[in-house]
Amino acid sequence: MYRVYECDPAKKAELTKILEADPYAEGSFARNGYKVKDGGVLGEDKTKMYVYFSASDEFIKKADGILKDVAKPAPGDVEKRIIEKIHKEEEEAESGFGSMFG
Protein backbone atom coordinates (compact mmCIF):
# COMPACT_ATOMS: atom_id res chain seq x y z
CA MET A 1 0.00 0.00 0.00
CA TYR A 2 1.17 3.52 -0.72
CA ARG A 3 0.43 6.59 1.37
CA VAL A 4 1.40 10.23 1.04
CA TYR A 5 1.17 12.66 3.94
CA GLU A 6 1.40 16.42 3.71
CA CYS A 7 3.17 18.51 6.29
CA ASP A 8 3.72 22.20 6.93
CA PRO A 9 7.46 23.00 6.57
CA ALA A 10 7.29 24.70 9.99
CA LYS A 11 6.85 21.20 11.45
CA LYS A 12 9.82 19.72 9.60
CA ALA A 13 11.91 19.31 12.78
CA GLU A 14 9.07 17.45 14.53
CA LEU A 15 8.49 15.28 11.47
CA THR A 16 12.19 14.43 11.15
CA LYS A 17 12.41 13.53 14.83
CA ILE A 18 9.49 11.10 14.47
CA LEU A 19 10.74 9.57 11.21
CA GLU A 20 14.29 9.07 12.47
CA ALA A 21 13.40 7.79 15.95
CA ASP A 22 14.86 4.37 16.83
CA PRO A 23 15.79 3.45 13.23
CA TYR A 24 16.70 -0.17 14.04
CA ALA A 25 13.49 -1.04 15.87
CA GLU A 26 11.07 -3.46 14.30
CA GLY A 27 8.33 -1.42 12.64
CA SER A 28 10.30 1.84 12.64
CA PHE A 29 9.83 4.36 9.83
CA ALA A 30 13.45 3.91 8.78
CA ARG A 31 13.08 0.14 8.37
CA ASN A 32 9.91 0.55 6.34
CA GLY A 33 11.40 3.31 4.22
CA TYR A 34 10.04 6.71 3.31
CA LYS A 35 10.79 9.67 1.10
CA VAL A 36 10.37 13.32 2.08
CA LYS A 37 9.95 15.79 -0.77
CA ASP A 38 9.31 19.52 -0.97
CA GLY A 39 6.09 20.37 -2.78
CA GLY A 40 7.85 22.69 -5.22
CA VAL A 41 10.24 19.94 -6.33
CA LEU A 42 7.25 17.74 -7.14
CA GLY A 43 5.36 20.49 -8.94
CA GLU A 44 2.80 20.55 -6.15
CA ASP A 45 1.95 23.04 -3.39
CA LYS A 46 5.19 24.89 -2.58
CA THR A 47 3.99 25.57 0.95
CA LYS A 48 3.91 21.86 1.83
CA MET A 49 6.27 18.95 2.30
CA TYR A 50 5.19 15.45 1.38
CA VAL A 51 6.14 12.13 2.94
CA TYR A 52 5.76 8.99 0.82
CA PHE A 53 5.50 5.47 2.23
CA SER A 54 5.26 2.08 0.59
CA ALA A 55 4.29 -0.21 3.45
CA SER A 56 1.76 -2.71 4.76
CA ASP A 57 -1.78 -1.66 5.66
CA GLU A 58 -0.92 -2.34 9.29
CA PHE A 59 2.08 -0.01 9.19
CA ILE A 60 0.07 2.72 7.43
CA LYS A 61 -2.58 2.58 10.18
CA LYS A 62 0.18 2.88 12.78
CA ALA A 63 1.71 5.83 10.87
CA ASP A 64 -1.67 7.58 10.72
CA GLY A 65 -1.76 7.63 14.50
CA ILE A 66 1.87 8.57 15.06
CA LEU A 67 1.91 11.37 12.50
CA LYS A 68 -1.54 12.83 13.25
CA ASP A 69 -0.19 15.93 15.06
CA VAL A 70 2.48 16.66 12.44
CA ALA A 71 1.18 15.50 9.06
CA LYS A 72 -2.10 14.43 7.52
CA PRO A 73 -2.87 12.16 4.59
CA ALA A 74 -2.75 14.11 1.33
CA PRO A 75 -6.01 14.52 -0.61
CA GLY A 76 -6.64 11.63 -3.02
CA ASP A 77 -5.81 13.48 -6.25
CA VAL A 78 -2.60 14.94 -4.80
CA GLU A 79 -1.60 11.57 -3.36
CA LYS A 80 -2.11 9.87 -6.72
CA ARG A 81 0.02 12.45 -8.58
CA ILE A 82 2.84 12.25 -6.04
CA ILE A 83 2.89 8.45 -6.07
CA GLU A 84 3.11 8.50 -9.88
CA LYS A 85 5.94 11.06 -9.81
CA ILE A 86 7.94 9.12 -7.21
CA HIS A 87 7.51 5.85 -9.11
CA LYS A 88 8.65 7.58 -12.30
CA GLU A 89 11.74 8.93 -10.48
CA GLU A 90 12.52 5.44 -9.21
CA GLU A 91 12.16 3.91 -12.68
CA GLU A 92 14.41 6.57 -14.21
CA ALA A 93 17.00 6.02 -11.50
CA GLU A 94 16.94 2.26 -12.05
CA SER A 95 17.26 2.56 -15.80
CA GLY A 96 20.09 5.08 -15.41
CA PHE A 97 21.91 2.79 -13.01
CA GLY A 98 21.37 -0.16 -15.34
CA SER A 99 22.86 1.72 -18.29
CA MET A 100 26.06 2.23 -16.30
CA PHE A 101 26.62 -1.53 -16.32
CA GLY A 102 24.65 -2.49 -19.41
C-alpha atoms as a PDB file:
ATOM      1  CA  MET A   1       0.000   0.000   0.000  1.00  0.00           C
ATOM      2  CA  TYR A   2       1.172   3.520  -0.716  1.00  0.00           C
ATOM      3  CA  ARG A   3       0.432   6.591   1.368  1.00  0.00           C
ATOM      4  CA  VAL A   4       1.397  10.235   1.036  1.00  0.00           C
ATOM      5  CA  TYR A   5       1.167  12.657   3.943  1.00  0.00           C
ATOM      6  CA  GLU A   6       1.398  16.420   3.707  1.00  0.00           C
ATOM      7  CA  CYS A   7       3.175  18.507   6.288  1.00  0.00           C
ATOM      8  CA  ASP A   8       3.717  22.197   6.929  1.00  0.00           C
ATOM      9  CA  PRO A   9       7.458  22.999   6.568  1.00  0.00           C
ATOM     10  CA  ALA A  10       7.289  24.698   9.987  1.00  0.00           C
ATOM     11  CA  LYS A  11       6.849  21.200  11.453  1.00  0.00           C
ATOM     12  CA  LYS A  12       9.821  19.719   9.599  1.00  0.00           C
ATOM     13  CA  ALA A  13      11.911  19.308  12.779  1.00  0.00           C
ATOM     14  CA  GLU A  14       9.073  17.449  14.534  1.00  0.00           C
ATOM     15  CA  LEU A  15       8.495  15.277  11.474  1.00  0.00           C
ATOM     16  CA  THR A  16      12.186  14.433  11.147  1.00  0.00           C
ATOM     17  CA  LYS A  17      12.412  13.531  14.831  1.00  0.00           C
ATOM     18  CA  ILE A  18       9.489  11.103  14.467  1.00  0.00           C
ATOM     19  CA  LEU A  19      10.735   9.567  11.211  1.00  0.00           C
ATOM     20  CA  GLU A  20      14.289   9.066  12.467  1.00  0.00           C
ATOM     21  CA  ALA A  21      13.401   7.786  15.947  1.00  0.00           C
ATOM     22  CA  ASP A  22      14.862   4.373  16.832  1.00  0.00           C
ATOM     23  CA  PRO A  23      15.786   3.446  13.226  1.00  0.00           C
ATOM     24  CA  TYR A  24      16.700  -0.171  14.040  1.00  0.00           C
ATOM     25  CA  ALA A  25      13.490  -1.043  15.875  1.00  0.00           C
ATOM     26  CA  GLU A  26      11.066  -3.464  14.297  1.00  0.00           C
ATOM     27  CA  GLY A  27       8.335  -1.420  12.643  1.00  0.00           C
ATOM     28  CA  SER A  28      10.300   1.837  12.636  1.00  0.00           C
ATOM     29  CA  PHE A  29       9.829   4.356   9.834  1.00  0.00           C
ATOM     30  CA  ALA A  30      13.455   3.906   8.778  1.00  0.00           C
ATOM     31  CA  ARG A  31      13.075   0.144   8.372  1.00  0.00           C
ATOM     32  CA  ASN A  32       9.907   0.549   6.335  1.00  0.00           C
ATOM     33  CA  GLY A  33      11.396   3.312   4.217  1.00  0.00           C
ATOM     34  CA  TYR A  34      10.042   6.705   3.311  1.00  0.00           C
ATOM     35  CA  LYS A  35      10.787   9.671   1.096  1.00  0.00           C
ATOM     36  CA  VAL A  36      10.365  13.318   2.078  1.00  0.00           C
ATOM     37  CA  LYS A  37       9.948  15.794  -0.775  1.00  0.00           C
ATOM     38  CA  ASP A  38       9.314  19.522  -0.968  1.00  0.00           C
ATOM     39  CA  GLY A  39       6.088  20.366  -2.775  1.00  0.00           C
ATOM     40  CA  GLY A  40       7.852  22.695  -5.223  1.00  0.00           C
ATOM     41  CA  VAL A  41      10.245  19.944  -6.328  1.00  0.00           C
ATOM     42  CA  LEU A  42       7.250  17.740  -7.137  1.00  0.00           C
ATOM     43  CA  GLY A  43       5.364  20.486  -8.941  1.00  0.00           C
ATOM     44  CA  GLU A  44       2.795  20.552  -6.146  1.00  0.00           C
ATOM     45  CA  ASP A  45       1.950  23.041  -3.389  1.00  0.00           C
ATOM     46  CA  LYS A  46       5.190  24.888  -2.583  1.00  0.00           C
ATOM     47  CA  THR A  47       3.993  25.566   0.952  1.00  0.00           C
ATOM     48  CA  LYS A  48       3.913  21.856   1.833  1.00  0.00           C
ATOM     49  CA  MET A  49       6.268  18.946   2.304  1.00  0.00           C
ATOM     50  CA  TYR A  50       5.190  15.449   1.376  1.00  0.00           C
ATOM     51  CA  VAL A  51       6.140  12.128   2.942  1.00  0.00           C
ATOM     52  CA  TYR A  52       5.757   8.989   0.819  1.00  0.00           C
ATOM     53  CA  PHE A  53       5.497   5.471   2.226  1.00  0.00           C
ATOM     54  CA  SER A  54       5.259   2.083   0.593  1.00  0.00           C
ATOM     55  CA  ALA A  55       4.285  -0.214   3.451  1.00  0.00           C
ATOM     56  CA  SER A  56       1.763  -2.712   4.759  1.00  0.00           C
ATOM     57  CA  ASP A  57      -1.778  -1.657   5.659  1.00  0.00           C
ATOM     58  CA  GLU A  58      -0.916  -2.343   9.289  1.00  0.00           C
ATOM     59  CA  PHE A  59       2.082  -0.010   9.185  1.00  0.00           C
ATOM     60  CA  ILE A  60       0.068   2.724   7.429  1.00  0.00           C
ATOM     61  CA  LYS A  61      -2.579   2.582  10.178  1.00  0.00           C
ATOM     62  CA  LYS A  62       0.182   2.881  12.777  1.00  0.00           C
ATOM     63  CA  ALA A  63       1.714   5.825  10.872  1.00  0.00           C
ATOM     64  CA  ASP A  64      -1.673   7.582  10.718  1.00  0.00           C
ATOM     65  CA  GLY A  65      -1.758   7.626  14.501  1.00  0.00           C
ATOM     66  CA  ILE A  66       1.871   8.568  15.062  1.00  0.00           C
ATOM     67  CA  LEU A  67       1.906  11.375  12.501  1.00  0.00           C
ATOM     68  CA  LYS A  68      -1.544  12.832  13.250  1.00  0.00           C
ATOM     69  CA  ASP A  69      -0.194  15.925  15.057  1.00  0.00           C
ATOM     70  CA  VAL A  70       2.478  16.657  12.437  1.00  0.00           C
ATOM     71  CA  ALA A  71       1.181  15.501   9.058  1.00  0.00           C
ATOM     72  CA  LYS A  72      -2.101  14.434   7.517  1.00  0.00           C
ATOM     73  CA  PRO A  73      -2.874  12.157   4.594  1.00  0.00           C
ATOM     74  CA  ALA A  74      -2.748  14.109   1.325  1.00  0.00           C
ATOM     75  CA  PRO A  75      -6.007  14.517  -0.607  1.00  0.00           C
ATOM     76  CA  GLY A  76      -6.645  11.633  -3.020  1.00  0.00           C
ATOM     77  CA  ASP A  77      -5.806  13.481  -6.247  1.00  0.00           C
ATOM     78  CA  VAL A  78      -2.602  14.940  -4.800  1.00  0.00           C
ATOM     79  CA  GLU A  79      -1.601  11.574  -3.356  1.00  0.00           C
ATOM     80  CA  LYS A  80      -2.114   9.869  -6.721  1.00  0.00           C
ATOM     81  CA  ARG A  81       0.020  12.445  -8.584  1.00  0.00           C
ATOM     82  CA  ILE A  82       2.840  12.254  -6.044  1.00  0.00           C
ATOM     83  CA  ILE A  83       2.890   8.448  -6.065  1.00  0.00           C
ATOM     84  CA  GLU A  84       3.110   8.504  -9.881  1.00  0.00           C
ATOM     85  CA  LYS A  85       5.940  11.061  -9.807  1.00  0.00           C
ATOM     86  CA  ILE A  86       7.938   9.122  -7.214  1.00  0.00           C
ATOM     87  CA  HIS A  87       7.508   5.850  -9.109  1.00  0.00           C
ATOM     88  CA  LYS A  88       8.648   7.582 -12.304  1.00  0.00           C
ATOM     89  CA  GLU A  89      11.737   8.935 -10.481  1.00  0.00           C
ATOM     90  CA  GLU A  90      12.525   5.437  -9.205  1.00  0.00           C
ATOM     91  CA  GLU A  91      12.159   3.913 -12.683  1.00  0.00           C
ATOM     92  CA  GLU A  92      14.410   6.567 -14.210  1.00  0.00           C
ATOM     93  CA  ALA A  93      17.004   6.020 -11.496  1.00  0.00           C
ATOM     94  CA  GLU A  94      16.940   2.256 -12.049  1.00  0.00           C
ATOM     95  CA  SER A  95      17.263   2.561 -15.805  1.00  0.00           C
ATOM     96  CA  GLY A  96      20.088   5.078 -15.411  1.00  0.00           C
ATOM     97  CA  PHE A  97      21.909   2.789 -13.008  1.00  0.00           C
ATOM     98  CA  GLY A  98      21.372  -0.158 -15.338  1.00  0.00           C
ATOM     99  CA  SER A  99      22.857   1.725 -18.291  1.00  0.00           C
ATOM    100  CA  MET A 100      26.061   2.226 -16.301  1.00  0.00           C
ATOM    101  CA  PHE A 101      26.622  -1.529 -16.317  1.00  0.00           C
ATOM    102  CA  GLY A 102      24.653  -2.490 -19.408  1.00  0.00           C
END
